Amino acid sequence: MGRPADHVAEDLADRPAENPVDQAAAAPATCPAGAPELFTWEFATDPYPAYAWLREHSPVHRTSLPSGVEAWLVTRYADARQALADARLSKNPAHHAEPAHAKGKTGIPGERKAELMTHLLNIDPPDHTRLRRLVSKAFTPRRVAAFAPRVQELTDGLIDRFAAEGRADLIHDFAFPLPIYAICDLLGVPREDQDDFRDWAGMMIRHGGGPRGGVARSVKKMRGYLAELIHRKRENPGDDLISGLIRAGDHGEHLTENEAAAMAFILLFAGFETTVNLIGNGMYALLRNPAQRERLQRSLDAGESGLLETGIEELLRYDGPVELATWRFATEPLTLGGRDIAVGDPVLVVLAAADRDPTRFEDPDTLDLARRDNQHLGYGHGIHYCLGAPLARLEGQTALATLLRRLPDLRLAVEPADLRWRGGLIMRGLRTLPVEFGPRPVRLVSDGTSHL
C-alpha cells in the first residue's frame, strides 16, 4: 500500500476543494483488479504509471477522492477531448447530485460566502458566453503582447535578487512571485498593495503552510479588497484589466459588481498558480533532460525563438501545470468511454493522462522540445479553453529563456528524490526547487539600481 502524502495531509481543511490534498485514499467505488492506488505520496510524485494503467484498463474510472466525493476520471485523449467540449457536462456546481457530506467540497473555501461564484469556471452558456465576451474585450492579445516588456523587467528583477548568491529556490524566489506581480500589474492593483496579494495567494496554494481556515480568510480579504478597488476604478479608470472589465460592462451588456469581483478573482487565482507550476515543472523537466536543455540553450544563444515556442508547448504536454481539468457535472445521462454517467455525477478530465496517450502522441513519455504535432490539452479545449493561456505562455517563455541565458550553469542542488510535490487534485507543482549556479553580478538598470 502506498504511503499517504503526509507532508501536505494537514492542509486538507484549507486547500481549495478543487485541489484536495493527498491523504489516505478512501476505497474506490469500483476498483478493477490490479488497479493502482491513487492519491498516495508515491502517486503525487509520479502519477504517470498509474494513469497509463487507467488508460489501458479503466479509461473512464469511478473512484472516491481524498475529500470523500465520488467522481469519474477520464484518462484517454479522445474521451478527454469529447468531455471537455460536451455541453451535457456542466461547470455549474448546482448540478452536482451531492450527498450532504460532499457539500462545498468542489469549490474554493469561502468562495460561496464571499459571493465569488459567478466566474468562468463555474458557469455555462448563456451566462458564460456573455461574461467571456466581456472579459475578452478587456483581456486582448494586444494587451498581453504590450505587457511583454514588463514581464521581462519583473523576470530580470527577481533573478537580480539571488544572482549573486549562487543558489536559490526557484519556486519561492522566482516562479511564485513572478506571476503574482505580473497579474497584479495587469489587473491594476497598485504596487504598494501587491505584497498583500502575494500573501493571500500564498495561503491559497498552501505554499508555506498556515493556520487552519486560512484559505477562506484570504478569499474574504481578497473579495473585500477587490470590491473597494472596483469602486475606485469606476470613479478613476486607468489602462488596466479591471478598468477594461468595467468599461466593457458599462457599454451595453451589464456586468454586476459581484461578476466583476469574481472575474478579477478568478483571473488572479487561475492566472498565477498555473504559471508557477509551468515555470517550476518546466525548469525541472529541463534539468532532468540535459540534452534537451542544452539544445534549447544553444538555440537561445543563436538568437532563435522557434525551439522556445515549440518547447513551451511540449513542457505543457509533458508535465503540465494542470493535472486535471476543473469539475464538470452531468446534466443528463450520457455514455463516455463505454461507461454510463448518471445525472449529477462529477466528471474530472485527467489532462496529464490524456496528454501522454500513446494513441495520440508518438513516444509520449519522452520530452521532445521540437515536437510539432502537439495538440495537447494542457489549457483545455472547447468553450472553457483557458482565457489566460497567452499570458501564461508569455511568462513561461520569458522566465525559462531568461534563466537559461543568465544562469547557464544552473543545476539541481538536491537529489530528485528529495523534492516534494504539492498535494493536489487539479494542479501539479513542486513545493520547492533548490538550484545552484555560479554567482553572477547583479544586473544594473539605467538609474544604477536593480529593482522590480
Protein backbone atom coordinates (compact mmCIF):
# COMPACT_ATOMS: atom_id res chain seq x y z
CA MET A 1 0.00 0.00 0.00
CA GLY A 2 1.30 3.45 -0.88
CA ARG A 3 2.30 5.81 1.90
CA PRO A 4 -0.12 8.77 2.28
CA ALA A 5 1.27 12.12 1.27
CA ASP A 6 1.73 13.16 4.89
CA HIS A 7 3.72 16.25 4.02
CA VAL A 8 0.55 18.01 2.93
CA ALA A 9 -2.22 16.00 4.56
CA GLU A 10 -2.53 18.58 7.31
CA ASP A 11 -3.64 21.12 4.70
CA LEU A 12 -6.88 19.30 3.86
CA ALA A 13 -9.26 21.70 5.54
CA ASP A 14 -7.65 24.76 3.99
CA ARG A 15 -6.88 23.77 0.41
CA PRO A 16 -9.21 24.85 -2.37
CA ALA A 17 -11.54 21.89 -2.75
CA GLU A 18 -10.77 21.57 -6.42
CA ASN A 19 -7.20 20.98 -5.18
CA PRO A 20 -7.92 18.47 -2.37
CA VAL A 21 -4.63 17.40 -0.87
CA ASP A 22 -3.32 13.91 -0.66
CA GLN A 23 -4.29 11.78 2.28
CA ALA A 24 -5.05 8.10 2.63
CA ALA A 25 -7.48 7.50 -0.21
CA ALA A 26 -10.97 6.27 0.51
CA ALA A 27 -11.83 2.91 -1.02
CA PRO A 28 -12.82 3.49 -4.65
CA ALA A 29 -16.43 2.96 -5.61
CA THR A 30 -15.46 0.41 -8.26
CA CYS A 31 -11.89 -0.84 -8.44
CA PRO A 32 -10.83 -3.27 -11.20
CA ALA A 33 -8.39 -5.99 -10.21
CA GLY A 34 -4.82 -4.75 -10.31
CA ALA A 35 -5.78 -1.07 -10.23
CA PRO A 36 -3.05 1.19 -8.85
CA GLU A 37 -3.62 3.07 -5.62
CA LEU A 38 -4.32 6.73 -6.26
CA PHE A 39 -3.66 9.85 -4.17
CA THR A 40 -0.68 8.46 -2.22
CA TRP A 41 2.68 10.14 -1.74
CA GLU A 42 4.16 7.94 -4.47
CA PHE A 43 1.31 8.84 -6.80
CA ALA A 44 1.80 12.59 -6.22
CA THR A 45 5.49 12.23 -7.02
CA ASP A 46 4.91 10.38 -10.31
CA PRO A 47 1.29 9.79 -11.33
CA TYR A 48 2.09 8.78 -14.90
CA PRO A 49 2.44 4.98 -14.41
CA ALA A 50 -0.95 4.91 -12.68
CA TYR A 51 -2.50 6.98 -15.46
CA ALA A 52 -1.03 4.61 -18.06
CA TRP A 53 -2.71 1.68 -16.28
CA LEU A 54 -6.04 3.52 -16.16
CA ARG A 55 -5.85 4.45 -19.86
CA GLU A 56 -5.40 0.79 -20.77
CA HIS A 57 -7.68 -0.96 -18.27
CA SER A 58 -10.23 1.57 -16.96
CA PRO A 59 -10.13 4.72 -19.11
CA VAL A 60 -13.28 6.19 -17.53
CA HIS A 61 -12.76 5.24 -13.92
CA ARG A 62 -15.07 5.82 -10.95
CA THR A 63 -13.22 6.48 -7.72
CA SER A 64 -13.54 8.09 -4.31
CA LEU A 65 -11.39 11.18 -3.99
CA PRO A 66 -9.49 12.06 -0.80
CA SER A 67 -12.25 14.58 0.01
CA GLY A 68 -14.82 11.74 0.01
CA VAL A 69 -16.51 12.92 -3.19
CA GLU A 70 -17.04 10.18 -5.80
CA ALA A 71 -16.17 11.13 -9.36
CA TRP A 72 -15.30 9.76 -12.79
CA LEU A 73 -11.71 10.14 -14.02
CA VAL A 74 -11.34 10.39 -17.82
CA THR A 75 -7.83 9.43 -18.98
CA ARG A 76 -7.77 8.78 -22.76
CA TYR A 77 -7.16 11.65 -25.16
CA ALA A 78 -10.21 11.06 -27.39
CA ASP A 79 -12.58 10.73 -24.41
CA ALA A 80 -10.98 13.73 -22.70
CA ARG A 81 -11.38 15.95 -25.75
CA GLN A 82 -15.01 14.84 -26.08
CA ALA A 83 -15.77 15.50 -22.42
CA LEU A 84 -14.16 18.95 -22.42
CA ALA A 85 -16.49 20.07 -25.23
CA ASP A 86 -19.66 18.18 -24.20
CA ALA A 87 -22.46 20.61 -23.37
CA ARG A 88 -24.12 17.91 -21.22
CA LEU A 89 -21.28 18.28 -18.73
CA SER A 90 -21.99 21.47 -16.82
CA LYS A 91 -19.47 23.61 -14.97
CA ASN A 92 -22.12 24.82 -12.53
CA PRO A 93 -21.77 23.09 -9.11
CA ALA A 94 -25.53 23.39 -8.68
CA HIS A 95 -25.82 20.35 -10.97
CA HIS A 96 -23.83 18.14 -8.58
CA ALA A 97 -26.09 15.45 -7.11
CA GLU A 98 -24.03 15.72 -3.96
CA PRO A 99 -24.73 13.98 -0.66
CA ALA A 100 -24.65 16.17 2.41
CA HIS A 101 -21.04 15.28 3.29
CA ALA A 102 -19.83 16.48 -0.12
CA LYS A 103 -21.45 19.91 0.11
CA GLY A 104 -18.94 22.63 -0.66
CA LYS A 105 -16.08 20.25 -1.49
CA THR A 106 -15.93 21.17 -5.16
CA GLY A 107 -15.13 24.87 -4.81
CA ILE A 108 -12.67 27.23 -3.20
CA PRO A 109 -13.25 27.60 0.56
CA GLY A 110 -15.03 30.85 1.25
CA GLU A 111 -15.94 31.31 -2.42
CA ARG A 112 -19.70 30.98 -1.85
CA LYS A 113 -19.85 33.18 1.24
CA ALA A 114 -17.72 35.82 -0.46
CA GLU A 115 -20.12 35.86 -3.45
CA LEU A 116 -17.33 34.92 -5.88
CA MET A 117 -19.06 32.01 -7.63
CA THR A 118 -20.07 33.82 -10.83
CA HIS A 119 -16.82 33.36 -12.74
CA LEU A 120 -15.98 31.48 -15.93
CA LEU A 121 -15.03 28.23 -14.17
CA ASN A 122 -18.46 27.86 -12.56
CA ILE A 123 -20.99 28.86 -15.21
CA ASP A 124 -22.45 27.64 -18.51
CA PRO A 125 -23.90 29.37 -21.56
CA PRO A 126 -25.59 31.78 -21.97
CA ASP A 127 -24.02 33.46 -18.90
CA HIS A 128 -20.62 32.01 -19.74
CA THR A 129 -20.87 33.33 -23.30
CA ARG A 130 -21.80 36.81 -22.08
CA LEU A 131 -19.07 37.02 -19.42
CA ARG A 132 -16.35 35.54 -21.62
CA ARG A 133 -17.20 38.06 -24.35
CA LEU A 134 -16.94 40.90 -21.83
CA VAL A 135 -13.63 39.65 -20.43
CA SER A 136 -12.26 39.05 -23.92
CA LYS A 137 -12.87 42.73 -24.73
CA ALA A 138 -10.58 43.68 -21.86
CA PHE A 139 -8.09 40.79 -21.96
CA THR A 140 -6.97 41.08 -25.57
CA PRO A 141 -3.92 39.56 -27.31
CA ARG A 142 -2.78 43.13 -27.96
CA ARG A 143 -2.86 43.89 -24.23
CA VAL A 144 -0.86 40.73 -23.46
CA ALA A 145 1.71 41.49 -26.19
CA ALA A 146 2.14 45.05 -24.91
CA PHE A 147 2.80 43.60 -21.45
CA ALA A 148 5.90 41.67 -22.60
CA PRO A 149 8.46 44.34 -21.55
CA ARG A 150 7.03 44.43 -18.02
CA VAL A 151 7.21 40.62 -17.76
CA GLN A 152 10.85 40.79 -18.83
CA GLU A 153 11.52 43.54 -16.28
CA LEU A 154 9.93 41.51 -13.50
CA THR A 155 11.84 38.40 -14.54
CA ASP A 156 15.20 40.14 -14.52
CA GLY A 157 14.44 41.92 -11.26
CA LEU A 158 13.67 38.66 -9.47
CA ILE A 159 16.82 36.98 -10.80
CA ASP A 160 18.83 40.01 -9.67
CA ARG A 161 17.72 39.31 -6.11
CA PHE A 162 19.54 35.96 -5.97
CA ALA A 163 22.04 36.06 -8.85
CA ALA A 164 24.98 36.92 -6.59
CA GLU A 165 24.14 34.20 -4.07
CA GLY A 166 24.92 31.19 -6.25
CA ARG A 167 21.82 29.35 -5.07
CA ALA A 168 18.06 29.86 -4.91
CA ASP A 169 14.73 28.12 -4.51
CA LEU A 170 13.23 28.68 -7.95
CA ILE A 171 9.69 28.23 -6.63
CA HIS A 172 9.80 30.59 -3.66
CA ASP A 173 12.25 33.12 -5.10
CA PHE A 174 11.15 33.17 -8.73
CA ALA A 175 8.25 31.08 -10.09
CA PHE A 176 5.85 32.11 -7.31
CA PRO A 177 6.35 35.91 -7.19
CA LEU A 178 6.68 36.45 -10.97
CA PRO A 179 3.07 35.71 -11.99
CA ILE A 180 1.65 37.31 -8.84
CA TYR A 181 3.29 40.65 -9.59
CA ALA A 182 2.51 40.30 -13.30
CA ILE A 183 -1.20 39.62 -12.89
CA CYS A 184 -1.47 42.34 -10.22
CA ASP A 185 0.07 44.84 -12.65
CA LEU A 186 -2.24 43.68 -15.41
CA LEU A 187 -5.34 43.93 -13.19
CA GLY A 188 -4.34 47.39 -11.97
CA VAL A 189 -3.52 46.55 -8.33
CA PRO A 190 -1.30 49.39 -7.03
CA ARG A 191 2.31 48.37 -6.36
CA GLU A 192 2.01 49.20 -2.66
CA ASP A 193 -0.81 46.61 -2.29
CA GLN A 194 0.78 43.78 -4.26
CA ASP A 195 2.57 42.16 -1.33
CA ASP A 196 -0.85 41.65 0.31
CA PHE A 197 -1.93 39.76 -2.80
CA ARG A 198 1.24 37.69 -2.62
CA ASP A 199 0.40 36.74 0.98
CA TRP A 200 -3.21 35.85 0.13
CA ALA A 201 -2.15 33.86 -2.93
CA GLY A 202 0.49 32.01 -0.93
CA MET A 203 -2.14 30.94 1.57
CA MET A 204 -4.49 29.84 -1.22
CA ILE A 205 -1.99 27.43 -2.76
CA ARG A 206 -0.63 26.39 0.63
CA HIS A 207 2.83 27.45 -0.45
CA GLY A 208 4.26 27.70 3.04
CA GLY A 209 1.64 26.31 5.36
CA GLY A 210 -0.59 28.40 7.54
CA PRO A 211 -3.35 28.42 10.11
CA ARG A 212 -6.49 26.33 9.74
CA GLY A 213 -9.14 28.21 7.81
CA GLY A 214 -6.54 30.49 6.27
CA VAL A 215 -7.71 29.96 2.70
CA ALA A 216 -11.27 31.09 3.40
CA ARG A 217 -9.98 34.12 5.32
CA SER A 218 -7.65 35.01 2.44
CA VAL A 219 -10.54 34.73 -0.04
CA LYS A 220 -12.67 37.01 2.16
CA LYS A 221 -9.88 39.60 2.39
CA MET A 222 -9.29 39.47 -1.33
CA ARG A 223 -13.01 39.88 -2.01
CA GLY A 224 -13.19 42.94 0.20
CA TYR A 225 -10.15 44.48 -1.42
CA LEU A 226 -11.42 43.81 -4.97
CA ALA A 227 -14.80 45.39 -4.18
CA GLU A 228 -13.03 48.54 -2.98
CA LEU A 229 -10.65 48.55 -5.96
CA ILE A 230 -13.51 48.16 -8.46
CA HIS A 231 -15.29 51.09 -6.82
CA ARG A 232 -12.14 53.24 -7.15
CA LYS A 233 -11.65 52.19 -10.78
CA ARG A 234 -15.23 53.16 -11.64
CA GLU A 235 -14.52 56.67 -10.38
CA ASN A 236 -10.99 56.88 -11.77
CA PRO A 237 -10.42 54.26 -14.51
CA GLY A 238 -6.98 53.52 -15.90
CA ASP A 239 -5.40 51.45 -18.65
CA ASP A 240 -5.67 48.17 -16.77
CA LEU A 241 -7.72 44.99 -16.91
CA ILE A 242 -10.18 45.84 -14.13
CA SER A 243 -10.89 49.20 -15.74
CA GLY A 244 -11.32 47.35 -19.03
CA LEU A 245 -13.85 44.99 -17.43
CA ILE A 246 -15.78 47.96 -16.08
CA ARG A 247 -15.77 49.73 -19.46
CA ALA A 248 -16.88 46.53 -21.22
CA GLY A 249 -19.79 46.20 -18.81
CA ASP A 250 -20.75 49.86 -19.00
CA HIS A 251 -21.00 49.90 -22.79
CA GLY A 252 -24.01 47.71 -23.45
CA GLU A 253 -24.10 44.40 -21.59
CA HIS A 254 -24.43 44.52 -17.84
CA LEU A 255 -21.63 43.41 -15.54
CA THR A 256 -22.64 43.33 -11.87
CA GLU A 257 -20.22 44.19 -9.09
CA ASN A 258 -20.22 40.55 -7.96
CA GLU A 259 -19.43 39.43 -11.51
CA ALA A 260 -16.62 41.96 -11.83
CA ALA A 261 -15.13 40.92 -8.49
CA ALA A 262 -15.49 37.22 -9.31
CA MET A 263 -13.85 37.69 -12.69
CA ALA A 264 -10.93 39.64 -11.21
CA PHE A 265 -10.61 36.99 -8.51
CA ILE A 266 -10.51 34.03 -10.89
CA LEU A 267 -8.14 35.80 -13.29
CA LEU A 268 -5.80 36.25 -10.36
CA PHE A 269 -6.31 32.79 -8.87
CA ALA A 270 -6.24 30.82 -12.13
CA GLY A 271 -3.72 33.16 -13.71
CA PHE A 272 -0.90 32.70 -11.25
CA GLU A 273 -0.84 29.11 -9.93
CA THR A 274 -0.79 27.64 -13.43
CA THR A 275 2.21 29.82 -14.28
CA VAL A 276 4.01 28.98 -11.03
CA ASN A 277 3.74 25.32 -12.00
CA LEU A 278 4.55 25.87 -15.66
CA ILE A 279 7.84 27.54 -14.72
CA GLY A 280 8.67 25.11 -11.91
CA ASN A 281 7.72 21.90 -13.72
CA GLY A 282 9.26 23.18 -16.94
CA MET A 283 12.61 24.06 -15.40
CA TYR A 284 12.68 20.76 -13.52
CA ALA A 285 11.98 18.82 -16.73
CA LEU A 286 14.83 20.67 -18.48
CA LEU A 287 17.22 19.93 -15.60
CA ARG A 288 16.27 16.23 -15.76
CA ASN A 289 16.72 16.15 -19.55
CA PRO A 290 20.14 17.76 -20.12
CA ALA A 291 20.31 17.03 -23.85
CA GLN A 292 17.03 18.89 -24.43
CA ARG A 293 18.09 21.72 -22.12
CA GLU A 294 21.43 22.11 -23.96
CA ARG A 295 19.60 22.10 -27.30
CA LEU A 296 17.34 24.90 -26.13
CA GLN A 297 20.26 26.83 -24.68
CA ARG A 298 22.15 26.68 -28.00
CA SER A 299 19.02 27.85 -29.84
CA LEU A 300 18.61 30.82 -27.49
CA ASP A 301 22.31 31.72 -27.77
CA ALA A 302 21.86 31.80 -31.56
CA GLY A 303 19.02 34.30 -31.19
CA GLU A 304 16.35 31.84 -32.35
CA SER A 305 12.82 31.62 -30.93
CA GLY A 306 11.31 28.61 -32.72
CA LEU A 307 12.51 25.95 -30.29
CA LEU A 308 11.41 28.05 -27.32
CA GLU A 309 7.90 28.33 -28.80
CA THR A 310 7.52 24.60 -29.55
CA GLY A 311 9.35 23.80 -26.31
CA ILE A 312 6.88 25.59 -24.06
CA GLU A 313 4.05 23.60 -25.67
CA GLU A 314 5.97 20.36 -25.11
CA LEU A 315 6.58 21.23 -21.46
CA LEU A 316 2.85 21.88 -21.10
CA ARG A 317 2.16 18.44 -22.55
CA TYR A 318 4.94 16.51 -20.84
CA ASP A 319 4.37 17.57 -17.21
CA GLY A 320 1.93 20.44 -17.33
CA PRO A 321 0.74 22.71 -14.52
CA VAL A 322 -2.88 21.50 -14.58
CA GLU A 323 -3.20 17.79 -13.83
CA LEU A 324 -6.99 17.57 -14.01
CA ALA A 325 -9.47 19.95 -15.59
CA THR A 326 -11.83 21.60 -13.13
CA TRP A 327 -15.11 19.96 -12.15
CA ARG A 328 -17.90 19.08 -14.53
CA PHE A 329 -21.32 17.63 -13.66
CA ALA A 330 -23.62 15.56 -15.89
CA THR A 331 -26.93 17.29 -16.59
CA GLU A 332 -28.38 14.25 -18.35
CA PRO A 333 -27.41 10.59 -18.71
CA LEU A 334 -24.52 10.04 -21.12
CA THR A 335 -22.02 7.41 -22.14
CA LEU A 336 -18.32 8.23 -22.08
CA GLY A 337 -15.61 5.71 -22.94
CA GLY A 338 -18.14 2.92 -22.67
CA ARG A 339 -19.25 3.88 -19.15
CA ASP A 340 -22.69 5.20 -18.24
CA ILE A 341 -22.58 8.54 -16.43
CA ALA A 342 -25.64 9.36 -14.31
CA VAL A 343 -27.24 12.77 -13.90
CA GLY A 344 -25.41 14.76 -11.25
CA ASP A 345 -22.20 12.68 -11.39
CA PRO A 346 -18.95 14.68 -11.21
CA VAL A 347 -16.53 14.14 -14.11
CA LEU A 348 -12.83 15.05 -13.91
CA VAL A 349 -10.82 15.02 -17.14
CA VAL A 350 -7.24 13.96 -16.40
CA LEU A 351 -5.26 16.24 -18.70
CA ALA A 352 -1.95 14.74 -17.57
CA ALA A 353 -3.10 11.27 -18.64
CA ALA A 354 -4.65 12.38 -21.93
CA ASP A 355 -1.50 14.29 -22.91
CA ARG A 356 0.57 11.11 -22.60
CA ASP A 357 -1.83 8.91 -24.55
CA PRO A 358 0.29 6.86 -27.00
CA THR A 359 -2.62 6.64 -29.44
CA ARG A 360 -2.33 10.42 -29.90
CA PHE A 361 1.32 11.29 -29.20
CA GLU A 362 4.33 9.39 -30.51
CA ASP A 363 6.69 8.30 -27.70
CA PRO A 364 4.64 10.33 -25.19
CA ASP A 365 6.87 9.74 -22.16
CA THR A 366 9.85 11.36 -23.93
CA LEU A 367 10.46 15.12 -23.75
CA ASP A 368 10.96 16.46 -27.29
CA LEU A 369 11.11 20.26 -27.39
CA ALA A 370 10.86 20.24 -31.18
CA ARG A 371 7.62 18.21 -31.22
CA ARG A 372 5.36 19.67 -33.91
CA ASP A 373 2.20 17.54 -33.82
CA ASN A 374 1.33 18.67 -30.33
CA GLN A 375 -2.35 19.46 -29.86
CA HIS A 376 -2.12 18.96 -26.12
CA LEU A 377 -4.98 19.66 -23.73
CA GLY A 378 -2.86 21.49 -21.17
CA TYR A 379 -5.10 24.57 -21.30
CA GLY A 380 -8.31 22.71 -22.03
CA HIS A 381 -10.49 22.54 -25.10
CA GLY A 382 -13.84 23.95 -26.21
CA ILE A 383 -15.62 26.98 -24.79
CA HIS A 384 -13.73 26.73 -21.49
CA TYR A 385 -10.29 26.88 -23.13
CA CYS A 386 -8.09 28.92 -20.80
CA LEU A 387 -8.54 32.63 -21.50
CA GLY A 388 -5.19 33.43 -19.90
CA ALA A 389 -3.15 30.94 -21.94
CA PRO A 390 -1.37 33.66 -23.99
CA LEU A 391 -0.24 35.43 -20.81
CA ALA A 392 0.93 32.16 -19.24
CA ARG A 393 2.87 31.27 -22.39
CA LEU A 394 4.49 34.72 -22.42
CA GLU A 395 5.51 34.42 -18.77
CA GLY A 396 6.71 30.83 -19.17
CA GLN A 397 8.79 31.56 -22.25
CA THR A 398 10.28 34.71 -20.74
CA ALA A 399 11.07 33.04 -17.42
CA LEU A 400 12.73 29.91 -18.81
CA ALA A 401 14.65 31.73 -21.55
CA THR A 402 15.99 34.34 -19.12
CA LEU A 403 17.05 31.73 -16.55
CA LEU A 404 18.93 29.76 -19.21
CA ARG A 405 20.59 32.86 -20.65
CA ARG A 406 21.63 34.45 -17.37
CA LEU A 407 22.37 31.27 -15.37
CA PRO A 408 23.63 28.79 -18.00
CA ASP A 409 25.25 26.52 -15.38
CA LEU A 410 22.02 26.15 -13.38
CA ARG A 411 21.81 22.73 -11.69
CA LEU A 412 19.73 20.94 -9.06
CA ALA A 413 21.01 21.46 -5.51
CA VAL A 414 19.33 18.30 -4.18
CA GLU A 415 18.64 14.80 -5.41
CA PRO A 416 15.36 14.49 -7.35
CA ALA A 417 14.11 12.01 -4.74
CA ASP A 418 14.33 14.76 -2.11
CA LEU A 419 11.89 17.04 -3.92
CA ARG A 420 8.26 17.14 -2.82
CA TRP A 421 5.18 17.92 -4.89
CA ARG A 422 2.34 19.99 -3.52
CA GLY A 423 -0.52 17.65 -2.81
CA GLY A 424 -3.40 18.43 -5.06
CA LEU A 425 -6.02 17.11 -7.42
CA ILE A 426 -6.30 19.85 -10.04
CA MET A 427 -2.85 21.47 -10.04
CA ARG A 428 0.53 19.75 -10.27
CA GLY A 429 3.56 21.61 -8.94
CA LEU A 430 6.69 21.36 -6.85
CA ARG A 431 6.82 22.73 -3.32
CA THR A 432 10.45 23.75 -3.75
CA LEU A 433 13.10 23.64 -6.47
CA PRO A 434 16.54 24.30 -4.91
CA VAL A 435 19.23 25.10 -7.50
CA GLU A 436 22.89 26.11 -7.58
CA PHE A 437 24.88 28.11 -10.13
CA GLY A 438 27.98 30.23 -10.40
CA PRO A 439 27.30 33.58 -8.69
CA ARG A 440 26.60 36.38 -11.15
CA PRO A 441 26.89 40.16 -10.71
CA VAL A 442 23.58 41.94 -10.25
CA ARG A 443 22.24 43.47 -13.47
CA LEU A 444 22.01 47.25 -13.20
CA VAL A 445 19.20 49.22 -14.80
CA SER A 446 19.55 52.71 -16.23
CA ASP A 447 19.37 54.52 -12.87
CA GLY A 448 22.18 52.37 -11.46
CA THR A 449 19.95 50.19 -9.29
CA SER A 450 18.22 46.84 -9.59
CA HIS A 451 14.57 46.64 -8.64
CA LEU A 452 11.20 45.15 -9.55
